Amino acid sequence: MGFDLRWRTWVKECVTIASMSVLINGSPSKPFKMERCLRQGDHLSPFLFVLVVDVLHKMVGEAVRNGRISLLLVGSDNIELSHLQFADDTILFCPQETETLVNYKRLLRCFEVMSDLSIKFDKSSLISVNCEKEWETNMCGLLGCAEILYLSDTWEFL
């Protein structure tokens, strides 16, 4: 992402200068330094997460530009949608195309490897609109989704 050495050193110090101890049978252990991750509730944590998840946003945008992912066209104005992100949730949009879903899964696996974050496919949902049930079942199996949510053709996008 282009952060210089000074900035990276500063962030690393924020993570590694902290020390912790744990309670063992009600008594604190000897303090030890953290070498990886942030403390739960650390104010730097959401900021760092946003920086990392921005990479996913750029990866999806690049996949759209090079034709690996097809956009979903919505409404009479053909509004183009590929994805929406909010905090740690991501919604991926695509037309009924197996190739696009396969490429989304590849992209997400690459993101997992690059970011060291894990995507919980088994806790994800495939929400289909006006798709054939056989295709939905196949795609749910391909993605490893726990469930399929069905929406009828009366669904209106606001």
N, C-alpha and C. Protein backbone atom coordinates (compact mmCIF):
# COMPACT_ATOMS: atom_id res chain seq x y z
N MET A 1 0.81 -1.19 0.00
CA MET A 1 0.00 0.00 0.00
C MET A 1 0.86 1.27 0.00
N GLY A 2 2.17 1.10 0.08
CA GLY A 2 3.04 2.25 -0.08
C GLY A 2 3.39 2.99 1.20
N PHE A 3 3.24 2.39 2.39
CA PHE A 3 3.61 3.05 3.62
C PHE A 3 5.13 2.97 3.79
N ASP A 4 5.73 4.09 4.16
CA ASP A 4 7.18 4.11 4.29
C ASP A 4 7.63 3.43 5.59
N LEU A 5 8.93 3.23 5.71
CA LEU A 5 9.50 2.50 6.84
C LEU A 5 9.18 3.19 8.17
N ARG A 6 9.22 4.50 8.19
CA ARG A 6 8.95 5.23 9.43
C ARG A 6 7.55 4.94 9.94
N TRP A 7 6.55 4.97 9.05
CA TRP A 7 5.17 4.72 9.45
C TRP A 7 5.00 3.28 9.92
N ARG A 8 5.57 2.33 9.18
CA ARG A 8 5.46 0.91 9.57
C ARG A 8 6.13 0.65 10.91
N THR A 9 7.27 1.31 11.16
CA THR A 9 7.96 1.15 12.43
C THR A 9 7.10 1.69 13.57
N TRP A 10 6.46 2.83 13.33
CA TRP A 10 5.59 3.42 14.34
C TRP A 10 4.44 2.46 14.70
N VAL A 11 3.77 1.88 13.70
CA VAL A 11 2.66 0.96 13.95
C VAL A 11 3.17 -0.28 14.68
N LYS A 12 4.33 -0.81 14.26
CA LYS A 12 4.88 -2.00 14.92
C LYS A 12 5.18 -1.72 16.39
N GLU A 13 5.69 -0.54 16.69
CA GLU A 13 5.95 -0.19 18.08
C GLU A 13 4.68 -0.13 18.89
N CYS A 14 3.60 0.38 18.30
CA CYS A 14 2.31 0.42 19.01
C CYS A 14 1.86 -0.97 19.41
N VAL A 15 2.20 -1.95 18.59
CA VAL A 15 1.78 -3.32 18.86
C VAL A 15 2.74 -4.00 19.84
N THR A 16 4.05 -3.81 19.65
CA THR A 16 5.03 -4.61 20.40
C THR A 16 5.47 -4.02 21.73
N ILE A 17 5.22 -2.72 21.99
CA ILE A 17 5.67 -2.17 23.26
C ILE A 17 4.72 -2.53 24.41
N ALA A 18 3.54 -2.98 24.06
CA ALA A 18 2.58 -3.34 25.10
C ALA A 18 3.02 -4.63 25.79
N SER A 19 2.78 -4.67 27.08
CA SER A 19 3.05 -5.91 27.80
C SER A 19 1.76 -6.37 28.46
N MET A 20 1.67 -7.65 28.69
CA MET A 20 0.46 -8.23 29.26
C MET A 20 0.84 -9.22 30.34
N SER A 21 -0.12 -9.52 31.17
CA SER A 21 0.02 -10.64 32.09
C SER A 21 -1.35 -11.29 32.18
N VAL A 22 -1.37 -12.52 32.60
CA VAL A 22 -2.63 -13.25 32.72
C VAL A 22 -2.80 -13.69 34.17
N LEU A 23 -4.05 -13.85 34.53
CA LEU A 23 -4.33 -14.33 35.88
C LEU A 23 -4.31 -15.85 35.88
N ILE A 24 -3.51 -16.41 36.76
CA ILE A 24 -3.44 -17.86 36.92
C ILE A 24 -3.83 -18.15 38.36
N ASN A 25 -4.96 -18.81 38.53
CA ASN A 25 -5.50 -19.09 39.86
C ASN A 25 -5.61 -17.80 40.69
N GLY A 26 -6.02 -16.70 40.02
CA GLY A 26 -6.22 -15.45 40.71
C GLY A 26 -4.99 -14.59 40.90
N SER A 27 -3.82 -15.09 40.52
CA SER A 27 -2.58 -14.32 40.68
C SER A 27 -2.04 -13.96 39.31
N PRO A 28 -1.58 -12.68 39.14
CA PRO A 28 -1.04 -12.29 37.84
C PRO A 28 0.31 -12.94 37.55
N SER A 29 0.48 -13.32 36.29
CA SER A 29 1.76 -13.89 35.88
C SER A 29 2.77 -12.78 35.68
N LYS A 30 4.00 -13.16 35.41
CA LYS A 30 5.04 -12.19 35.09
C LYS A 30 4.65 -11.52 33.76
N PRO A 31 4.78 -10.18 33.64
CA PRO A 31 4.43 -9.52 32.38
C PRO A 31 5.28 -10.02 31.21
N PHE A 32 4.66 -10.09 30.05
CA PHE A 32 5.37 -10.48 28.83
C PHE A 32 4.97 -9.54 27.71
N LYS A 33 5.87 -9.38 26.74
CA LYS A 33 5.61 -8.47 25.62
C LYS A 33 4.81 -9.20 24.55
N MET A 34 3.90 -8.45 23.93
CA MET A 34 3.16 -8.98 22.79
C MET A 34 4.05 -8.87 21.57
N GLU A 35 3.99 -9.87 20.71
CA GLU A 35 4.80 -9.82 19.50
C GLU A 35 3.94 -9.80 18.25
N ARG A 36 2.67 -10.04 18.40
CA ARG A 36 1.78 -10.07 17.26
C ARG A 36 0.38 -9.70 17.72
N CYS A 37 -0.35 -9.03 16.87
CA CYS A 37 -1.75 -8.66 17.11
C CYS A 37 -1.85 -7.48 18.07
N LEU A 38 -3.07 -7.00 18.23
CA LEU A 38 -3.36 -5.89 19.14
C LEU A 38 -4.20 -6.41 20.29
N ARG A 39 -4.17 -5.68 21.37
CA ARG A 39 -5.03 -6.04 22.50
C ARG A 39 -6.48 -5.84 22.09
N GLN A 40 -7.35 -6.64 22.67
CA GLN A 40 -8.76 -6.48 22.39
C GLN A 40 -9.20 -5.10 22.87
N GLY A 41 -9.91 -4.37 22.02
CA GLY A 41 -10.37 -3.03 22.35
C GLY A 41 -9.36 -1.93 22.07
N ASP A 42 -8.21 -2.29 21.51
CA ASP A 42 -7.20 -1.28 21.20
C ASP A 42 -7.77 -0.30 20.18
N HIS A 43 -7.53 1.01 20.39
CA HIS A 43 -8.09 2.04 19.51
C HIS A 43 -7.48 2.00 18.11
N LEU A 44 -6.33 1.41 17.96
CA LEU A 44 -5.68 1.32 16.66
C LEU A 44 -6.27 0.21 15.80
N SER A 45 -6.92 -0.75 16.43
CA SER A 45 -7.42 -1.93 15.74
C SER A 45 -8.40 -1.62 14.59
N PRO A 46 -9.45 -0.82 14.79
CA PRO A 46 -10.37 -0.55 13.67
C PRO A 46 -9.68 0.17 12.51
N PHE A 47 -8.77 1.07 12.82
CA PHE A 47 -8.05 1.79 11.77
C PHE A 47 -7.22 0.84 10.92
N LEU A 48 -6.50 -0.06 11.58
CA LEU A 48 -5.69 -1.02 10.84
C LEU A 48 -6.55 -1.97 10.02
N PHE A 49 -7.71 -2.36 10.58
CA PHE A 49 -8.61 -3.24 9.84
C PHE A 49 -9.11 -2.56 8.58
N VAL A 50 -9.48 -1.28 8.68
CA VAL A 50 -9.97 -0.55 7.51
C VAL A 50 -8.88 -0.47 6.44
N LEU A 51 -7.63 -0.27 6.86
CA LEU A 51 -6.54 -0.24 5.89
C LEU A 51 -6.40 -1.57 5.16
N VAL A 52 -6.54 -2.66 5.89
CA VAL A 52 -6.40 -3.99 5.28
C VAL A 52 -7.59 -4.30 4.39
N VAL A 53 -8.80 -4.02 4.85
CA VAL A 53 -9.99 -4.36 4.06
C VAL A 53 -10.10 -3.46 2.83
N ASP A 54 -9.45 -2.30 2.84
CA ASP A 54 -9.41 -1.47 1.64
C ASP A 54 -8.71 -2.20 0.50
N VAL A 55 -7.79 -3.08 0.84
CA VAL A 55 -7.12 -3.89 -0.18
C VAL A 55 -8.14 -4.78 -0.88
N LEU A 56 -9.08 -5.35 -0.13
CA LEU A 56 -10.13 -6.18 -0.74
C LEU A 56 -10.96 -5.32 -1.70
N HIS A 57 -11.29 -4.12 -1.29
CA HIS A 57 -12.04 -3.20 -2.17
C HIS A 57 -11.28 -2.97 -3.48
N LYS A 58 -9.99 -2.74 -3.40
CA LYS A 58 -9.18 -2.50 -4.60
C LYS A 58 -9.06 -3.77 -5.44
N MET A 59 -8.98 -4.93 -4.80
CA MET A 59 -8.90 -6.19 -5.53
C MET A 59 -10.19 -6.44 -6.33
N VAL A 60 -11.34 -6.17 -5.71
CA VAL A 60 -12.62 -6.35 -6.42
C VAL A 60 -12.70 -5.37 -7.59
N GLY A 61 -12.33 -4.13 -7.35
CA GLY A 61 -12.35 -3.13 -8.42
C GLY A 61 -11.47 -3.53 -9.59
N GLU A 62 -10.29 -4.05 -9.31
CA GLU A 62 -9.39 -4.49 -10.37
C GLU A 62 -9.96 -5.70 -11.12
N ALA A 63 -10.58 -6.63 -10.38
CA ALA A 63 -11.19 -7.80 -11.03
C ALA A 63 -12.34 -7.38 -11.94
N VAL A 64 -13.09 -6.36 -11.56
CA VAL A 64 -14.17 -5.83 -12.41
C VAL A 64 -13.57 -5.20 -13.66
N ARG A 65 -12.52 -4.38 -13.47
CA ARG A 65 -11.89 -3.70 -14.62
C ARG A 65 -11.30 -4.68 -15.63
N ASN A 66 -10.73 -5.80 -15.15
CA ASN A 66 -10.13 -6.74 -16.10
C ASN A 66 -11.10 -7.83 -16.55
N GLY A 67 -12.37 -7.69 -16.21
CA GLY A 67 -13.40 -8.58 -16.73
C GLY A 67 -13.54 -9.92 -16.03
N ARG A 68 -12.90 -10.10 -14.89
CA ARG A 68 -13.01 -11.37 -14.15
C ARG A 68 -14.31 -11.46 -13.35
N ILE A 69 -14.84 -10.29 -12.98
CA ILE A 69 -16.09 -10.24 -12.21
C ILE A 69 -17.07 -9.35 -12.97
N SER A 70 -18.27 -9.89 -13.19
CA SER A 70 -19.32 -9.13 -13.87
C SER A 70 -20.12 -8.34 -12.86
N LEU A 71 -20.50 -7.14 -13.24
CA LEU A 71 -21.30 -6.28 -12.38
C LEU A 71 -22.76 -6.71 -12.41
N LEU A 72 -23.48 -6.46 -11.33
CA LEU A 72 -24.92 -6.65 -11.30
C LEU A 72 -25.55 -5.32 -11.69
N LEU A 73 -26.42 -5.35 -12.68
CA LEU A 73 -27.11 -4.13 -13.13
C LEU A 73 -28.49 -4.11 -12.47
N VAL A 74 -28.79 -3.01 -11.76
CA VAL A 74 -30.01 -2.93 -10.97
C VAL A 74 -30.88 -1.77 -11.44
N GLY A 75 -32.17 -2.05 -11.58
CA GLY A 75 -33.14 -1.02 -11.89
C GLY A 75 -33.13 -0.59 -13.34
N SER A 76 -34.06 0.33 -13.66
CA SER A 76 -34.18 0.81 -15.03
C SER A 76 -33.00 1.69 -15.43
N ASP A 77 -32.28 2.23 -14.44
CA ASP A 77 -31.10 3.05 -14.72
C ASP A 77 -29.83 2.22 -14.84
N ASN A 78 -29.96 0.89 -14.69
CA ASN A 78 -28.80 -0.01 -14.75
C ASN A 78 -27.66 0.43 -13.83
N ILE A 79 -27.98 0.62 -12.56
CA ILE A 79 -26.96 0.96 -11.57
C ILE A 79 -26.04 -0.24 -11.42
N GLU A 80 -24.73 -0.01 -11.52
CA GLU A 80 -23.74 -1.08 -11.49
C GLU A 80 -23.29 -1.34 -10.05
N LEU A 81 -23.43 -2.59 -9.61
CA LEU A 81 -23.00 -2.97 -8.27
C LEU A 81 -22.02 -4.13 -8.36
N SER A 82 -20.94 -4.04 -7.59
CA SER A 82 -20.04 -5.18 -7.44
C SER A 82 -19.94 -5.58 -5.98
N HIS A 83 -19.86 -4.58 -5.08
CA HIS A 83 -19.74 -4.90 -3.66
C HIS A 83 -20.06 -3.69 -2.80
N LEU A 84 -20.42 -3.96 -1.56
CA LEU A 84 -20.60 -2.95 -0.52
C LEU A 84 -19.85 -3.42 0.71
N GLN A 85 -19.23 -2.48 1.43
CA GLN A 85 -18.52 -2.84 2.65
C GLN A 85 -18.93 -1.90 3.77
N PHE A 86 -19.12 -2.47 4.95
CA PHE A 86 -19.39 -1.68 6.14
C PHE A 86 -18.76 -2.40 7.32
N ALA A 87 -17.85 -1.71 7.99
CA ALA A 87 -17.12 -2.29 9.13
C ALA A 87 -16.49 -3.61 8.68
N ASP A 88 -16.87 -4.73 9.30
CA ASP A 88 -16.26 -6.00 8.91
C ASP A 88 -17.22 -6.87 8.10
N ASP A 89 -18.22 -6.25 7.49
CA ASP A 89 -19.16 -6.98 6.63
C ASP A 89 -18.96 -6.56 5.18
N THR A 90 -19.03 -7.53 4.30
CA THR A 90 -18.91 -7.27 2.87
C THR A 90 -20.05 -7.98 2.16
N ILE A 91 -20.71 -7.29 1.25
CA ILE A 91 -21.75 -7.88 0.40
C ILE A 91 -21.21 -7.86 -1.02
N LEU A 92 -21.19 -9.03 -1.65
CA LEU A 92 -20.72 -9.15 -3.03
C LEU A 92 -21.93 -9.38 -3.92
N PHE A 93 -22.02 -8.60 -4.99
CA PHE A 93 -23.14 -8.71 -5.93
C PHE A 93 -22.65 -9.30 -7.23
N CYS A 94 -23.48 -10.12 -7.85
CA CYS A 94 -23.14 -10.61 -9.19
C CYS A 94 -24.39 -11.15 -9.87
N PRO A 95 -24.35 -11.13 -11.20
CA PRO A 95 -25.46 -11.76 -11.94
C PRO A 95 -25.36 -13.28 -11.80
N GLN A 96 -26.34 -13.98 -12.36
CA GLN A 96 -26.36 -15.44 -12.27
C GLN A 96 -25.31 -16.01 -13.22
N GLU A 97 -24.05 -15.91 -12.82
CA GLU A 97 -22.93 -16.41 -13.62
C GLU A 97 -22.00 -17.22 -12.72
N THR A 98 -21.86 -18.47 -13.04
CA THR A 98 -20.98 -19.33 -12.25
C THR A 98 -19.55 -18.82 -12.26
N GLU A 99 -19.07 -18.37 -13.42
CA GLU A 99 -17.69 -17.91 -13.52
C GLU A 99 -17.40 -16.74 -12.59
N THR A 100 -18.34 -15.81 -12.46
CA THR A 100 -18.14 -14.67 -11.57
C THR A 100 -18.06 -15.13 -10.12
N LEU A 101 -18.94 -16.06 -9.71
CA LEU A 101 -18.88 -16.57 -8.33
C LEU A 101 -17.59 -17.32 -8.07
N VAL A 102 -17.13 -18.11 -9.03
CA VAL A 102 -15.86 -18.82 -8.88
C VAL A 102 -14.72 -17.80 -8.72
N ASN A 103 -14.74 -16.75 -9.52
CA ASN A 103 -13.69 -15.73 -9.43
C ASN A 103 -13.77 -14.95 -8.12
N TYR A 104 -14.97 -14.71 -7.60
CA TYR A 104 -15.10 -14.09 -6.29
C TYR A 104 -14.45 -14.97 -5.22
N LYS A 105 -14.72 -16.28 -5.29
CA LYS A 105 -14.13 -17.18 -4.28
C LYS A 105 -12.61 -17.19 -4.39
N ARG A 106 -12.08 -17.22 -5.60
CA ARG A 106 -10.62 -17.16 -5.78
C ARG A 106 -10.05 -15.87 -5.21
N LEU A 107 -10.72 -14.76 -5.50
CA LEU A 107 -10.27 -13.46 -5.01
C LEU A 107 -10.28 -13.43 -3.48
N LEU A 108 -11.33 -13.97 -2.86
CA LEU A 108 -11.41 -13.99 -1.40
C LEU A 108 -10.33 -14.90 -0.79
N ARG A 109 -10.04 -16.02 -1.43
CA ARG A 109 -8.96 -16.90 -0.94
C ARG A 109 -7.61 -16.19 -1.03
N CYS A 110 -7.37 -15.46 -2.13
CA CYS A 110 -6.13 -14.69 -2.26
C CYS A 110 -6.05 -13.63 -1.17
N PHE A 111 -7.17 -12.96 -0.89
CA PHE A 111 -7.21 -11.96 0.16
C PHE A 111 -6.89 -12.57 1.51
N GLU A 112 -7.42 -13.77 1.78
CA GLU A 112 -7.12 -14.46 3.04
C GLU A 112 -5.63 -14.68 3.21
N VAL A 113 -4.99 -15.17 2.15
CA VAL A 113 -3.55 -15.45 2.21
C VAL A 113 -2.76 -14.17 2.40
N MET A 114 -3.12 -13.13 1.66
CA MET A 114 -2.38 -11.87 1.72
C MET A 114 -2.55 -11.15 3.06
N SER A 115 -3.75 -11.20 3.62
CA SER A 115 -4.05 -10.40 4.81
C SER A 115 -3.91 -11.17 6.12
N ASP A 116 -3.85 -12.49 6.05
CA ASP A 116 -3.83 -13.35 7.24
C ASP A 116 -5.14 -13.24 8.02
N LEU A 117 -6.21 -12.82 7.35
CA LEU A 117 -7.55 -12.82 7.93
C LEU A 117 -8.28 -14.04 7.39
N SER A 118 -9.22 -14.58 8.15
CA SER A 118 -9.95 -15.73 7.63
C SER A 118 -11.39 -15.33 7.32
N ILE A 119 -11.87 -15.78 6.19
CA ILE A 119 -13.24 -15.53 5.76
C ILE A 119 -14.05 -16.77 6.11
N LYS A 120 -15.10 -16.57 6.85
CA LYS A 120 -15.92 -17.70 7.32
C LYS A 120 -17.03 -17.98 6.30
N PHE A 121 -16.67 -18.75 5.28
CA PHE A 121 -17.64 -19.07 4.23
C PHE A 121 -18.83 -19.83 4.82
N ASP A 122 -18.59 -20.67 5.82
CA ASP A 122 -19.68 -21.46 6.39
C ASP A 122 -20.68 -20.61 7.17
N LYS A 123 -20.30 -19.37 7.52
CA LYS A 123 -21.22 -18.46 8.19
C LYS A 123 -21.79 -17.43 7.23
N SER A 124 -21.46 -17.57 5.95
CA SER A 124 -21.93 -16.65 4.93
C SER A 124 -23.22 -17.16 4.31
N SER A 125 -23.96 -16.27 3.67
CA SER A 125 -25.21 -16.63 3.03
C SER A 125 -25.18 -16.25 1.56
N LEU A 126 -25.79 -17.09 0.75
CA LEU A 126 -26.03 -16.77 -0.66
C LEU A 126 -27.47 -16.30 -0.74
N ILE A 127 -27.66 -15.07 -1.16
CA ILE A 127 -29.00 -14.52 -1.30
C ILE A 127 -29.27 -14.38 -2.79
N SER A 128 -30.22 -15.12 -3.28
CA SER A 128 -30.48 -15.11 -4.71
C SER A 128 -31.80 -14.41 -5.02
N VAL A 129 -31.83 -13.78 -6.17
CA VAL A 129 -33.04 -13.13 -6.64
C VAL A 129 -33.35 -13.69 -8.02
N ASN A 130 -34.50 -14.38 -8.14
CA ASN A 130 -34.95 -14.92 -9.43
C ASN A 130 -33.92 -15.85 -10.08
N CYS A 131 -33.33 -16.73 -9.32
CA CYS A 131 -32.38 -17.69 -9.87
C CYS A 131 -32.99 -19.09 -9.79
N GLU A 132 -32.52 -19.96 -10.65
CA GLU A 132 -32.99 -21.34 -10.63
C GLU A 132 -32.46 -22.04 -9.38
N LYS A 133 -33.33 -22.86 -8.77
CA LYS A 133 -32.96 -23.53 -7.53
C LYS A 133 -31.74 -24.43 -7.70
N GLU A 134 -31.61 -25.11 -8.83
CA GLU A 134 -30.46 -25.99 -9.06
C GLU A 134 -29.16 -25.18 -9.07
N TRP A 135 -29.18 -24.03 -9.73
CA TRP A 135 -28.00 -23.17 -9.76
C TRP A 135 -27.65 -22.67 -8.36
N GLU A 136 -28.69 -22.27 -7.61
CA GLU A 136 -28.49 -21.79 -6.24
C GLU A 136 -27.84 -22.86 -5.37
N THR A 137 -28.34 -24.08 -5.46
CA THR A 137 -27.80 -25.18 -4.66
C THR A 137 -26.35 -25.47 -5.05
N ASN A 138 -26.07 -25.48 -6.35
CA ASN A 138 -24.69 -25.72 -6.81
C ASN A 138 -23.74 -24.62 -6.33
N MET A 139 -24.18 -23.38 -6.41
CA MET A 139 -23.32 -22.26 -6.00
C MET A 139 -23.11 -22.25 -4.49
N CYS A 140 -24.14 -22.62 -3.74
CA CYS A 140 -24.01 -22.68 -2.29
C CYS A 140 -22.97 -23.74 -1.92
N GLY A 141 -22.99 -24.87 -2.63
CA GLY A 141 -21.98 -25.90 -2.41
C GLY A 141 -20.59 -25.44 -2.81
N LEU A 142 -20.49 -24.75 -3.93
CA LEU A 142 -19.21 -24.24 -4.40
C LEU A 142 -18.60 -23.25 -3.40
N LEU A 143 -19.43 -22.36 -2.87
CA LEU A 143 -18.95 -21.34 -1.94
C LEU A 143 -18.78 -21.86 -0.51
N GLY A 144 -19.44 -22.96 -0.20
CA GLY A 144 -19.39 -23.48 1.16
C GLY A 144 -20.29 -22.71 2.11
N CYS A 145 -21.37 -22.15 1.57
CA CYS A 145 -22.31 -21.38 2.39
C CYS A 145 -23.16 -22.32 3.24
N ALA A 146 -23.55 -21.82 4.39
CA ALA A 146 -24.38 -22.60 5.29
C ALA A 146 -25.84 -22.60 4.86
N GLU A 147 -26.28 -21.56 4.17
CA GLU A 147 -27.69 -21.44 3.84
C GLU A 147 -27.91 -20.66 2.55
N ILE A 148 -29.09 -20.84 2.00
CA ILE A 148 -29.51 -20.07 0.83
C ILE A 148 -30.76 -19.30 1.24
N LEU A 149 -30.75 -18.02 1.01
CA LEU A 149 -31.94 -17.20 1.26
C LEU A 149 -32.56 -16.87 -0.08
N TYR A 150 -33.86 -17.06 -0.21
CA TYR A 150 -34.55 -16.84 -1.46
C TYR A 150 -35.34 -15.55 -1.42
N LEU A 151 -35.26 -14.77 -2.47
CA LEU A 151 -36.08 -13.57 -2.60
C LEU A 151 -36.88 -13.71 -3.88
N SER A 152 -38.14 -13.32 -3.82
CA SER A 152 -39.00 -13.47 -4.99
C SER A 152 -38.80 -12.30 -5.95
N ASP A 153 -39.47 -12.37 -7.08
CA ASP A 153 -39.33 -11.31 -8.07
C ASP A 153 -40.07 -10.03 -7.66
N THR A 154 -40.72 -10.03 -6.51
CA THR A 154 -41.38 -8.81 -6.05
C THR A 154 -40.45 -7.94 -5.22
N TRP A 155 -39.21 -8.40 -5.01
CA TRP A 155 -38.23 -7.64 -4.23
C TRP A 155 -37.91 -6.34 -4.96
N GLU A 156 -37.94 -5.24 -4.23
CA GLU A 156 -37.62 -3.95 -4.82
C GLU A 156 -36.34 -3.42 -4.18
N PHE A 157 -35.43 -2.94 -5.01
CA PHE A 157 -34.22 -2.33 -4.51
C PHE A 157 -34.47 -0.85 -4.31
N LEU A 158 -34.16 -0.36 -3.12
CA LEU A 158 -34.39 1.06 -2.81
C LEU A 158 -33.17 1.87 -3.13
